Amino acid sequence: MARAIKKREFGGAPPIDFLDLSYFMPLMTAAALKESAAFPISYGGPLKMLATLAQPLGSLARRQTFERFVKVLMVNEYEATGARPEKYAGWVTRQYDARRYNYIVIGPPLGSLVYLSSILDAPFLPLNYAVACRRKAINPDDIKEHLDTGRKLADYYLNNNPDIQVTQEYDPVHQRLRIKNGSILRCRFQKLPKTYRTFIKRHLAENGTIMFIESRIGWRQYKVKDNFFFQIGTPGGIPDDEYIRGSKRLELFRQRFLQDKAVYRLPLPNELQPESKFGVTPSIRNDTLAAAYSMKRNICQLFTNDIYQINKLVSRLFLLCARREGLRPSYCYVQSGQFLSPYWCMQTLTVPIWVPSPCYPALQYVDEFLKSYPFEIEEVLLSFEPSIEEAPDFIMLKRWKETIGADTKIRYIGMNPSRYPADFNAFFKYWPELSKWAKRRRRPMDMRITTDNFIDEAQNCGIHFQITENNKR
């Protein structure tokens, strides 16, 4: 690998993708468990000012500013070599207080698991992490060149870390401006890191339970070689086969960037694999079960092929705690991407709904949730991660307002409705605006959940489970 003059420091974090949920979720979960209202991530003042100035100047200025933003947060090739599995696992475990826990949640970086961990008072240990490695700009639609530039770093990771699988994430729609300037590679554990094992031994109570969450969501991927896959697109409103076969809306989307018709295919075998970010490899499941057995710790496996089912479980557990205190939560916070807030939701009787993006499946889920909600909703908070590229599967706010209903108040958190979905400032505004709203509505409740409660509600949600009681053998 090329050698840089100097490696930057990242506040103790390994050189991973700082816009990925694998970075945000441990920080947000740890802050919620410590009951800290401080936002655990800091953005520089000059960058915020530049984003504010660029916002009214049109799409070209916004794109150029956003590209600068994402390039600053990417690591260079030399720095990327430091993104080792054990280093990441050590950073994750250091976020949590050194005390005993009744539960520890292990799973993919699925945003709703932040809330599940907070309800259970449990640390969250992600099963994968991403690395965003900066390089010279290339055409976002040139799929072959993207594979060629990502292969070198993938080979380095696989040669030096035999217990991982690498997937190069190539999303020419939602991550268009990011992949133009860098390669995004996801490292997926095939064995439970030693640091995770040590943390469980020391901090999970002897009669405690490992909650292993498995989302069995599949996605077509090209197999480059053993343990190296190439994935086109990410879960949202565009299915995997649409990228490979093409469609009218993708063609119209590319024309906005003055690109000719492109077909996202490679001359390689493609096969259905666990989705890169939200899926789970069978090997890590088996290794975690074996680790729980050797440590004599109980383990509860939850598995579903619908990522929105975890939201349903979170809301049912939330309402269970509220009803126990005679409370009726009347606020709902619908957020996408990294706009998480477990602390404020737990402090304000606000039911959280996390979605990967504001796409049609997300709209459908929110519609079903609101129609079946047992109490009156006083206010719905919306906070959607921006799409500077203006992705074609993002549902416009008019549809969201129609779905939520004219009689329900809607509050936009961090969003300027007139500039949606390209309001870059949402990254900087969502937490201050949410904090201001929440501080006036503090009403914490006692979150006491037993394993029986958990299993009962999982069954009610149609989530499959299996419990292995290792502490009794």
Protein backbone atom coordinates (compact mmCIF):
# COMPACT_ATOMS: atom_id res chain seq x y z
CA MET A 1 0.00 0.00 0.00
CA ALA A 2 1.10 3.57 -0.68
CA ARG A 3 2.69 5.28 2.30
CA ALA A 4 1.44 8.66 3.47
CA ILE A 5 3.61 11.25 5.18
CA LYS A 6 1.42 11.35 8.27
CA LYS A 7 -1.61 9.51 9.59
CA ARG A 8 -4.39 11.65 10.96
CA GLU A 9 -5.93 11.05 14.37
CA PHE A 10 -9.68 10.44 14.57
CA GLY A 11 -10.47 11.05 18.22
CA GLY A 12 -9.53 7.50 19.16
CA ALA A 13 -11.74 5.94 16.47
CA PRO A 14 -10.27 3.61 13.85
CA PRO A 15 -10.14 4.95 10.26
CA ILE A 16 -13.59 3.73 9.24
CA ASP A 17 -16.49 5.33 7.36
CA PHE A 18 -17.58 8.21 9.60
CA LEU A 19 -20.93 8.52 7.80
CA ASP A 20 -21.85 4.87 8.33
CA LEU A 21 -24.16 3.46 10.97
CA SER A 22 -21.35 1.19 12.19
CA TYR A 23 -19.73 4.38 13.48
CA PHE A 24 -22.82 6.23 14.70
CA MET A 25 -24.64 3.40 16.45
CA PRO A 26 -22.10 2.49 19.18
CA LEU A 27 -21.68 6.21 20.00
CA MET A 28 -25.43 6.86 20.19
CA THR A 29 -26.15 3.69 22.17
CA ALA A 30 -23.39 4.45 24.69
CA ALA A 31 -24.63 8.03 25.14
CA ALA A 32 -28.18 6.78 25.79
CA LEU A 33 -27.00 4.19 28.35
CA LYS A 34 -25.05 6.95 30.14
CA GLU A 35 -28.13 9.22 29.92
CA SER A 36 -26.07 11.84 28.15
CA ALA A 37 -27.81 14.54 26.09
CA ALA A 38 -24.56 15.57 24.39
CA PHE A 39 -24.26 14.85 20.69
CA PRO A 40 -21.29 12.45 20.44
CA ILE A 41 -20.08 13.71 17.04
CA SER A 42 -18.57 17.11 16.24
CA TYR A 43 -18.58 18.85 12.86
CA GLY A 44 -16.26 21.76 12.17
CA GLY A 45 -17.58 25.34 12.11
CA PRO A 46 -16.07 26.22 8.69
CA LEU A 47 -17.80 23.24 7.09
CA LYS A 48 -21.17 24.25 8.56
CA MET A 49 -20.70 27.80 7.32
CA LEU A 50 -19.76 26.61 3.84
CA ALA A 51 -22.86 24.39 3.70
CA THR A 52 -25.09 27.28 4.76
CA LEU A 53 -23.63 29.57 2.09
CA ALA A 54 -23.91 26.93 -0.66
CA GLN A 55 -27.50 25.90 0.08
CA PRO A 56 -29.29 28.80 -1.72
CA LEU A 57 -26.85 28.84 -4.67
CA GLY A 58 -28.37 25.91 -6.53
CA SER A 59 -27.73 22.21 -7.10
CA LEU A 60 -24.21 22.57 -8.54
CA ALA A 61 -22.94 24.52 -5.50
CA ARG A 62 -24.60 22.04 -3.12
CA ARG A 63 -23.03 19.09 -4.89
CA GLN A 64 -19.57 20.64 -4.88
CA THR A 65 -19.85 21.47 -1.17
CA PHE A 66 -21.13 18.01 -0.33
CA GLU A 67 -18.28 16.42 -2.28
CA ARG A 68 -15.84 18.44 -0.22
CA PHE A 69 -17.62 17.32 2.96
CA VAL A 70 -17.46 13.61 2.09
CA LYS A 71 -13.85 13.80 0.91
CA VAL A 72 -12.76 15.38 4.20
CA LEU A 73 -14.39 12.50 6.09
CA MET A 74 -12.77 9.81 3.93
CA VAL A 75 -9.43 8.29 4.85
CA ASN A 76 -6.51 7.96 2.48
CA GLU A 77 -5.12 4.62 1.31
CA TYR A 78 -2.42 4.44 3.97
CA GLU A 79 -4.78 5.39 6.78
CA ALA A 80 -7.27 2.77 5.57
CA THR A 81 -4.78 -0.01 6.33
CA GLY A 82 -5.34 0.71 10.02
CA ALA A 83 -9.01 -0.32 9.87
CA ARG A 84 -8.42 -3.73 11.43
CA PRO A 85 -11.24 -5.86 12.88
CA GLU A 86 -9.85 -6.05 16.43
CA LYS A 87 -9.10 -2.34 16.44
CA TYR A 88 -12.69 -1.58 15.50
CA ALA A 89 -14.04 -4.05 18.08
CA GLY A 90 -11.84 -2.50 20.77
CA TRP A 91 -13.08 0.98 19.93
CA VAL A 92 -16.72 -0.19 20.13
CA THR A 93 -16.36 -1.84 23.54
CA ARG A 94 -14.51 1.17 24.98
CA GLN A 95 -17.62 3.31 24.45
CA TYR A 96 -19.51 1.50 27.21
CA ASP A 97 -19.21 1.78 30.96
CA ALA A 98 -17.33 -1.06 32.65
CA ARG A 99 -20.34 -2.44 34.54
CA ARG A 100 -22.51 -5.56 34.47
CA TYR A 101 -25.32 -5.80 31.94
CA ASN A 102 -28.25 -8.18 31.80
CA TYR A 103 -28.25 -8.07 28.01
CA ILE A 104 -25.79 -7.45 25.21
CA VAL A 105 -27.12 -6.94 21.69
CA ILE A 106 -25.12 -8.25 18.73
CA GLY A 107 -26.29 -7.59 15.20
CA PRO A 108 -25.80 -5.70 11.94
CA PRO A 109 -25.82 -1.87 12.01
CA LEU A 110 -29.57 -1.64 11.58
CA GLY A 111 -30.69 1.73 12.97
CA SER A 112 -33.64 0.33 14.94
CA LEU A 113 -31.25 -1.78 17.04
CA VAL A 114 -30.06 1.43 18.74
CA TYR A 115 -33.51 1.73 20.27
CA LEU A 116 -33.76 -1.96 21.10
CA SER A 117 -30.43 -1.75 22.93
CA SER A 118 -31.53 1.38 24.81
CA ILE A 119 -34.76 -0.25 25.96
CA LEU A 120 -32.84 -3.30 27.19
CA ASP A 121 -30.07 -1.14 28.76
CA ALA A 122 -27.67 -3.14 26.63
CA PRO A 123 -24.46 -2.34 24.75
CA PHE A 124 -24.70 -2.81 20.98
CA LEU A 125 -21.87 -4.67 19.22
CA PRO A 126 -22.01 -4.35 15.40
CA LEU A 127 -21.18 -7.32 13.17
CA ASN A 128 -19.61 -5.25 10.41
CA TYR A 129 -18.03 -1.88 9.69
CA ALA A 130 -17.36 0.16 6.56
CA VAL A 131 -14.25 1.93 5.31
CA ALA A 132 -14.49 4.91 2.94
CA CYS A 133 -11.13 5.29 1.19
CA ARG A 134 -10.48 8.47 -0.75
CA ARG A 135 -8.94 8.34 -4.24
CA LYS A 136 -8.95 10.34 -7.47
CA ALA A 137 -12.43 11.11 -8.87
CA ILE A 138 -13.81 8.65 -11.43
CA ASN A 139 -17.09 8.35 -13.34
CA PRO A 140 -19.74 7.06 -10.89
CA ASP A 141 -21.30 4.96 -13.67
CA ASP A 142 -18.08 3.16 -14.69
CA ILE A 143 -18.66 -0.01 -12.70
CA LYS A 144 -15.54 -1.82 -13.94
CA GLU A 145 -13.19 0.99 -12.90
CA HIS A 146 -14.82 1.08 -9.47
CA LEU A 147 -14.16 -2.62 -9.01
CA ASP A 148 -10.55 -2.23 -10.18
CA THR A 149 -9.86 0.61 -7.73
CA GLY A 150 -11.50 -1.16 -4.79
CA ARG A 151 -9.88 -4.54 -5.38
CA LYS A 152 -6.42 -3.51 -4.13
CA LEU A 153 -7.66 -2.48 -0.68
CA ALA A 154 -9.98 -5.50 -0.47
CA ASP A 155 -7.05 -7.82 -1.20
CA TYR A 156 -5.02 -6.11 1.55
CA TYR A 157 -7.79 -6.64 4.11
CA LEU A 158 -8.34 -10.28 3.18
CA ASN A 159 -4.61 -11.10 3.18
CA ASN A 160 -4.13 -9.58 6.63
CA ASN A 161 -7.47 -10.47 8.27
CA PRO A 162 -8.54 -14.04 7.44
CA ASP A 163 -11.66 -13.90 9.65
CA ILE A 164 -13.57 -11.29 7.62
CA GLN A 165 -15.52 -11.09 4.40
CA VAL A 166 -15.26 -7.93 2.27
CA THR A 167 -18.05 -6.46 0.18
CA GLN A 168 -17.47 -3.43 -2.01
CA GLU A 169 -20.59 -1.26 -1.88
CA TYR A 170 -21.27 0.46 -5.18
CA ASP A 171 -24.41 2.61 -5.11
CA PRO A 172 -24.44 4.95 -8.13
CA VAL A 173 -27.71 6.54 -6.95
CA HIS A 174 -27.82 7.20 -3.20
CA GLN A 175 -24.02 7.32 -2.75
CA ARG A 176 -23.19 8.76 -6.16
CA LEU A 177 -21.07 11.68 -4.99
CA ARG A 178 -19.28 9.55 -2.43
CA ILE A 179 -18.29 6.70 -4.74
CA LYS A 180 -17.15 9.28 -7.29
CA ASN A 181 -14.40 10.26 -4.86
CA GLY A 182 -13.72 7.05 -2.97
CA SER A 183 -14.28 3.33 -2.55
CA ILE A 184 -16.61 2.03 0.16
CA LEU A 185 -15.71 -1.42 1.46
CA ARG A 186 -17.59 -3.25 4.17
CA CYS A 187 -15.71 -5.66 6.42
CA ARG A 188 -17.98 -8.34 7.85
CA PHE A 189 -16.96 -10.52 10.77
CA GLN A 190 -16.98 -14.25 10.12
CA LYS A 191 -15.82 -14.95 13.66
CA LEU A 192 -16.67 -13.07 16.83
CA PRO A 193 -13.71 -10.75 17.57
CA LYS A 194 -11.66 -11.67 20.63
CA THR A 195 -12.36 -8.21 22.07
CA TYR A 196 -16.11 -8.85 21.88
CA ARG A 197 -15.65 -12.20 23.64
CA THR A 198 -13.63 -10.59 26.43
CA PHE A 199 -16.22 -7.83 26.84
CA ILE A 200 -19.04 -10.39 27.12
CA LYS A 201 -17.13 -12.47 29.68
CA ARG A 202 -16.41 -9.44 31.86
CA HIS A 203 -19.60 -7.45 31.56
CA LEU A 204 -22.52 -9.77 30.82
CA ALA A 205 -24.10 -11.02 34.04
CA GLU A 206 -23.76 -14.77 34.61
CA ASN A 207 -27.51 -15.21 34.09
CA GLY A 208 -27.57 -12.55 31.38
CA THR A 209 -28.49 -13.07 27.74
CA ILE A 210 -26.80 -12.33 24.43
CA MET A 211 -29.42 -10.98 22.00
CA PHE A 212 -28.26 -12.03 18.53
CA ILE A 213 -30.29 -10.20 15.89
CA GLU A 214 -30.22 -11.60 12.39
CA SER A 215 -31.90 -9.81 9.51
CA ARG A 216 -32.13 -12.35 6.70
CA ILE A 217 -32.34 -9.84 3.90
CA GLY A 218 -30.80 -11.00 0.64
CA TRP A 219 -29.22 -9.01 -2.19
CA ARG A 220 -27.69 -10.07 -5.50
CA GLN A 221 -23.90 -9.64 -5.44
CA TYR A 222 -21.09 -10.37 -7.86
CA LYS A 223 -18.55 -12.82 -6.50
CA VAL A 224 -15.09 -11.49 -7.33
CA LYS A 225 -13.25 -14.23 -5.43
CA ASP A 226 -13.52 -16.12 -2.15
CA ASN A 227 -14.76 -13.75 0.56
CA PHE A 228 -14.81 -10.73 -1.77
CA PHE A 229 -18.16 -9.60 -3.20
CA PHE A 230 -19.34 -6.58 -5.14
CA GLN A 231 -22.82 -5.21 -4.35
CA ILE A 232 -24.72 -2.75 -6.53
CA GLY A 233 -27.17 -0.52 -4.65
CA THR A 234 -28.45 -0.60 -1.09
CA PRO A 235 -31.85 -1.43 0.48
CA GLY A 236 -34.46 1.26 0.00
CA GLY A 237 -36.90 1.84 -2.81
CA ILE A 238 -34.83 0.42 -5.69
CA PRO A 239 -34.55 -3.41 -5.77
CA ASP A 240 -31.29 -5.14 -6.63
CA ASP A 241 -32.43 -6.45 -10.03
CA GLU A 242 -33.40 -2.94 -11.18
CA TYR A 243 -29.76 -1.87 -11.02
CA ILE A 244 -28.67 -4.88 -13.07
CA ARG A 245 -31.46 -4.76 -15.66
CA GLY A 246 -31.90 -1.00 -15.79
CA SER A 247 -35.10 1.06 -15.76
CA LYS A 248 -36.59 4.26 -17.10
CA ARG A 249 -36.30 6.10 -13.79
CA LEU A 250 -32.61 5.20 -13.45
CA GLU A 251 -32.00 6.38 -16.99
CA LEU A 252 -33.73 9.70 -16.28
CA PHE A 253 -31.74 10.02 -13.07
CA ARG A 254 -28.42 9.60 -14.89
CA GLN A 255 -29.43 12.11 -17.57
CA ARG A 256 -29.52 14.79 -14.85
CA PHE A 257 -25.77 14.22 -14.50
CA LEU A 258 -25.24 14.33 -18.28
CA GLN A 259 -24.45 10.62 -18.41
CA ASP A 260 -25.30 8.23 -21.22
CA LYS A 261 -27.26 5.08 -20.60
CA ALA A 262 -25.30 2.79 -18.30
CA VAL A 263 -25.88 -0.83 -17.38
CA TYR A 264 -24.62 -1.90 -13.98
CA ARG A 265 -23.32 -5.36 -14.88
CA LEU A 266 -20.03 -7.18 -14.54
CA PRO A 267 -18.79 -10.28 -16.40
CA LEU A 268 -18.82 -12.25 -13.16
CA PRO A 269 -21.21 -14.74 -11.57
CA ASN A 270 -23.84 -13.09 -9.36
CA GLU A 271 -25.60 -14.85 -6.54
CA LEU A 272 -28.01 -14.10 -3.74
CA GLN A 273 -26.03 -13.27 -0.59
CA PRO A 274 -26.87 -11.74 2.80
CA GLU A 275 -27.13 -8.01 2.12
CA SER A 276 -23.86 -6.21 2.79
CA LYS A 277 -24.82 -3.88 5.64
CA PHE A 278 -27.95 -5.38 7.17
CA GLY A 279 -27.45 -9.08 6.42
CA VAL A 280 -25.59 -11.61 8.57
CA THR A 281 -23.24 -14.34 7.36
CA PRO A 282 -23.97 -17.91 8.58
CA SER A 283 -20.39 -18.25 9.83
CA ILE A 284 -20.69 -15.41 12.38
CA ARG A 285 -23.98 -16.83 13.62
CA ASN A 286 -22.41 -20.24 14.23
CA ASP A 287 -19.32 -18.75 15.86
CA THR A 288 -21.42 -16.58 18.21
CA LEU A 289 -23.48 -19.60 19.24
CA ALA A 290 -20.26 -21.52 19.94
CA ALA A 291 -18.86 -18.58 21.94
CA ALA A 292 -22.02 -18.34 24.05
CA TYR A 293 -21.79 -22.08 24.77
CA SER A 294 -18.12 -21.92 25.77
CA MET A 295 -18.75 -18.90 28.03
CA LYS A 296 -21.88 -20.48 29.55
CA ARG A 297 -24.00 -17.48 28.61
CA ASN A 298 -27.59 -17.64 27.46
CA ILE A 299 -28.26 -16.59 23.90
CA CYS A 300 -31.49 -15.56 22.21
CA GLN A 301 -31.48 -15.55 18.41
CA LEU A 302 -33.99 -13.37 16.58
CA PHE A 303 -34.29 -13.63 12.83
CA THR A 304 -36.54 -11.97 10.28
CA ASN A 305 -36.40 -11.22 6.57
CA ASP A 306 -38.16 -7.87 7.08
CA ILE A 307 -35.99 -5.11 8.56
CA TYR A 308 -39.10 -3.10 9.50
CA GLN A 309 -40.19 -5.85 11.93
CA ILE A 310 -37.51 -4.72 14.37
CA ASN A 311 -39.26 -1.33 14.49
CA LYS A 312 -42.47 -3.08 15.39
CA LEU A 313 -40.75 -4.94 18.23
CA VAL A 314 -39.23 -1.69 19.54
CA SER A 315 -42.59 0.09 19.55
CA ARG A 316 -44.35 -2.81 21.29
CA LEU A 317 -41.69 -2.94 24.03
CA PHE A 318 -41.88 0.85 24.35
CA LEU A 319 -45.66 0.74 24.77
CA LEU A 320 -45.40 -2.14 27.24
CA CYS A 321 -43.25 0.02 29.54
CA ALA A 322 -45.55 3.02 29.07
CA ARG A 323 -48.74 1.11 29.87
CA ARG A 324 -47.14 -0.24 33.03
CA GLU A 325 -46.93 3.37 34.25
CA GLY A 326 -50.36 4.34 32.93
CA LEU A 327 -48.85 6.50 30.17
CA ARG A 328 -49.98 7.08 26.59
CA PRO A 329 -47.10 8.13 24.31
CA SER A 330 -48.42 10.72 21.86
CA TYR A 331 -45.25 11.60 19.94
CA CYS A 332 -43.64 9.68 17.11
CA TYR A 333 -40.18 10.31 15.65
CA VAL A 334 -39.72 9.03 12.07
CA GLN A 335 -36.10 9.27 11.03
CA SER A 336 -33.82 7.83 8.36
CA GLY A 337 -30.16 6.95 8.07
CA GLN A 338 -27.91 8.30 10.80
CA PHE A 339 -30.47 10.70 12.32
CA LEU A 340 -30.83 8.58 15.45
CA SER A 341 -31.86 9.76 18.89
CA PRO A 342 -32.28 6.97 21.45
CA TYR A 343 -31.62 9.29 24.40
CA TRP A 344 -34.30 11.85 23.60
CA CYS A 345 -36.88 9.23 22.59
CA MET A 346 -36.42 7.48 25.94
CA GLN A 347 -36.66 10.81 27.78
CA THR A 348 -39.80 12.18 26.08
CA LEU A 349 -42.21 9.26 25.56
CA THR A 350 -41.53 9.48 21.83
CA VAL A 351 -41.99 6.27 19.86
CA PRO A 352 -39.09 5.90 17.39
CA ILE A 353 -39.44 4.62 13.84
CA TRP A 354 -36.18 4.19 11.95
CA VAL A 355 -36.15 3.67 8.19
CA PRO A 356 -33.14 3.22 5.88
CA SER A 357 -34.43 6.01 3.60
CA PRO A 358 -37.72 7.87 2.99
CA CYS A 359 -38.71 5.44 0.22
CA TYR A 360 -42.03 3.75 -0.57
CA PRO A 361 -41.53 0.65 1.68
CA ALA A 362 -40.81 3.06 4.57
CA LEU A 363 -43.93 5.12 3.78
CA GLN A 364 -45.97 1.93 3.68
CA TYR A 365 -44.66 0.81 7.07
CA VAL A 366 -45.31 4.19 8.72
CA ASP A 367 -48.84 4.20 7.28
CA GLU A 368 -49.55 0.77 8.75
CA PHE A 369 -48.02 1.75 12.08
CA LEU A 370 -50.09 4.93 12.45
CA LYS A 371 -53.33 3.16 11.49
CA SER A 372 -52.78 0.49 14.14
CA TYR A 373 -51.40 2.75 16.89
CA PRO A 374 -53.63 2.38 19.99
CA PHE A 375 -53.41 6.00 21.21
CA GLU A 376 -53.91 9.42 19.70
CA ILE A 377 -50.81 10.86 18.03
CA GLU A 378 -50.36 14.52 18.95
CA GLU A 379 -47.30 15.17 16.80
CA VAL A 380 -45.12 13.32 14.28
CA LEU A 381 -41.51 14.41 13.95
CA LEU A 382 -39.86 13.86 10.57
CA SER A 383 -36.08 13.89 10.11
CA PHE A 384 -34.76 12.47 6.86
CA GLU A 385 -31.14 12.22 5.83
CA PRO A 386 -30.68 14.40 2.74
CA SER A 387 -30.06 13.15 -0.78
CA ILE A 388 -27.91 15.73 -2.54
CA GLU A 389 -28.24 13.56 -5.64
CA GLU A 390 -32.07 13.72 -5.26
CA ALA A 391 -32.51 9.97 -5.52
CA PRO A 392 -35.55 8.90 -7.58
CA ASP A 393 -36.93 6.57 -4.89
CA PHE A 394 -37.23 9.30 -2.24
CA ILE A 395 -40.91 10.00 -1.51
CA MET A 396 -41.81 13.69 -1.59
CA LEU A 397 -43.03 15.36 1.61
CA LYS A 398 -46.50 15.89 0.15
CA ARG A 399 -47.03 12.12 0.16
CA TRP A 400 -45.72 11.86 3.70
CA LYS A 401 -48.15 14.57 4.83
CA GLU A 402 -51.05 12.80 3.13
CA THR A 403 -50.11 9.50 4.78
CA ILE A 404 -49.74 10.98 8.26
CA GLY A 405 -53.04 12.83 7.90
CA ALA A 406 -54.23 16.41 7.95
CA ASP A 407 -55.36 16.18 11.60
CA THR A 408 -51.90 15.28 12.92
CA LYS A 409 -49.28 17.95 13.48
CA ILE A 410 -46.00 17.41 11.64
CA ARG A 411 -42.73 18.92 12.81
CA TYR A 412 -39.67 18.84 10.54
CA ILE A 413 -36.49 18.27 12.52
CA GLY A 414 -33.37 19.65 10.85
CA MET A 415 -35.16 19.79 7.51
CA ASN A 416 -36.14 22.74 5.34
CA PRO A 417 -39.23 21.43 3.49
CA SER A 418 -38.70 23.81 0.56
CA ARG A 419 -35.23 22.33 -0.04
CA TYR A 420 -36.00 18.66 0.60
CA PRO A 421 -34.40 16.26 -0.18
CA ALA A 422 -31.20 18.21 -0.96
CA ASP A 423 -30.90 20.18 2.30
CA PHE A 424 -27.28 19.50 3.20
CA ASN A 425 -27.65 21.46 6.47
CA ALA A 426 -29.85 18.72 7.89
CA PHE A 427 -26.66 16.90 8.99
CA PHE A 428 -25.83 19.80 11.32
CA LYS A 429 -29.29 20.96 12.37
CA TYR A 430 -31.17 17.82 13.34
CA TRP A 431 -29.66 17.28 16.80
CA PRO A 432 -29.89 20.93 18.05
CA GLU A 433 -33.50 21.20 16.82
CA LEU A 434 -34.48 17.84 18.32
CA SER A 435 -32.82 18.71 21.63
CA LYS A 436 -34.65 22.04 21.80
CA TRP A 437 -37.99 20.31 21.19
CA ALA A 438 -37.28 17.46 23.62
CA LYS A 439 -36.06 19.56 26.58
CA ARG A 440 -39.56 21.03 26.92
CA ARG A 441 -41.20 17.59 26.97
CA ARG A 442 -39.09 15.54 29.36
CA ARG A 443 -40.98 12.59 30.78
CA PRO A 444 -38.65 9.62 31.30
CA MET A 445 -40.13 6.27 32.16
CA ASP A 446 -38.83 3.08 33.72
CA MET A 447 -37.59 0.70 31.03
CA ARG A 448 -37.76 -2.72 32.67
CA ILE A 449 -37.93 -5.58 30.20
CA THR A 450 -37.61 -9.27 31.04
CA THR A 451 -36.62 -11.95 28.57
CA ASP A 452 -40.20 -13.29 28.73
CA ASN A 453 -41.53 -9.81 27.81
CA PHE A 454 -39.08 -9.68 24.96
CA ILE A 455 -40.02 -13.08 23.57
CA ASP A 456 -43.76 -12.47 23.91
CA GLU A 457 -43.55 -9.24 21.92
CA ALA A 458 -41.23 -10.79 19.31
CA GLN A 459 -43.83 -13.52 18.76
CA ASN A 460 -46.57 -10.90 18.42
CA CYS A 461 -44.47 -9.23 15.70
CA GLY A 462 -43.98 -12.43 13.75
CA ILE A 463 -40.25 -12.51 14.49
CA HIS A 464 -38.76 -15.99 14.81
CA PHE A 465 -36.58 -16.77 17.80
CA GLN A 466 -34.60 -19.49 19.51
CA ILE A 467 -33.29 -19.47 23.09
CA THR A 468 -30.35 -21.54 24.28
CA GLU A 469 -29.85 -21.59 28.06
CA ASN A 470 -26.15 -22.28 28.48
CA ASN A 471 -25.84 -21.07 32.08
CA LYS A 472 -27.73 -24.11 33.40
CA ARG A 473 -25.44 -26.77 32.04
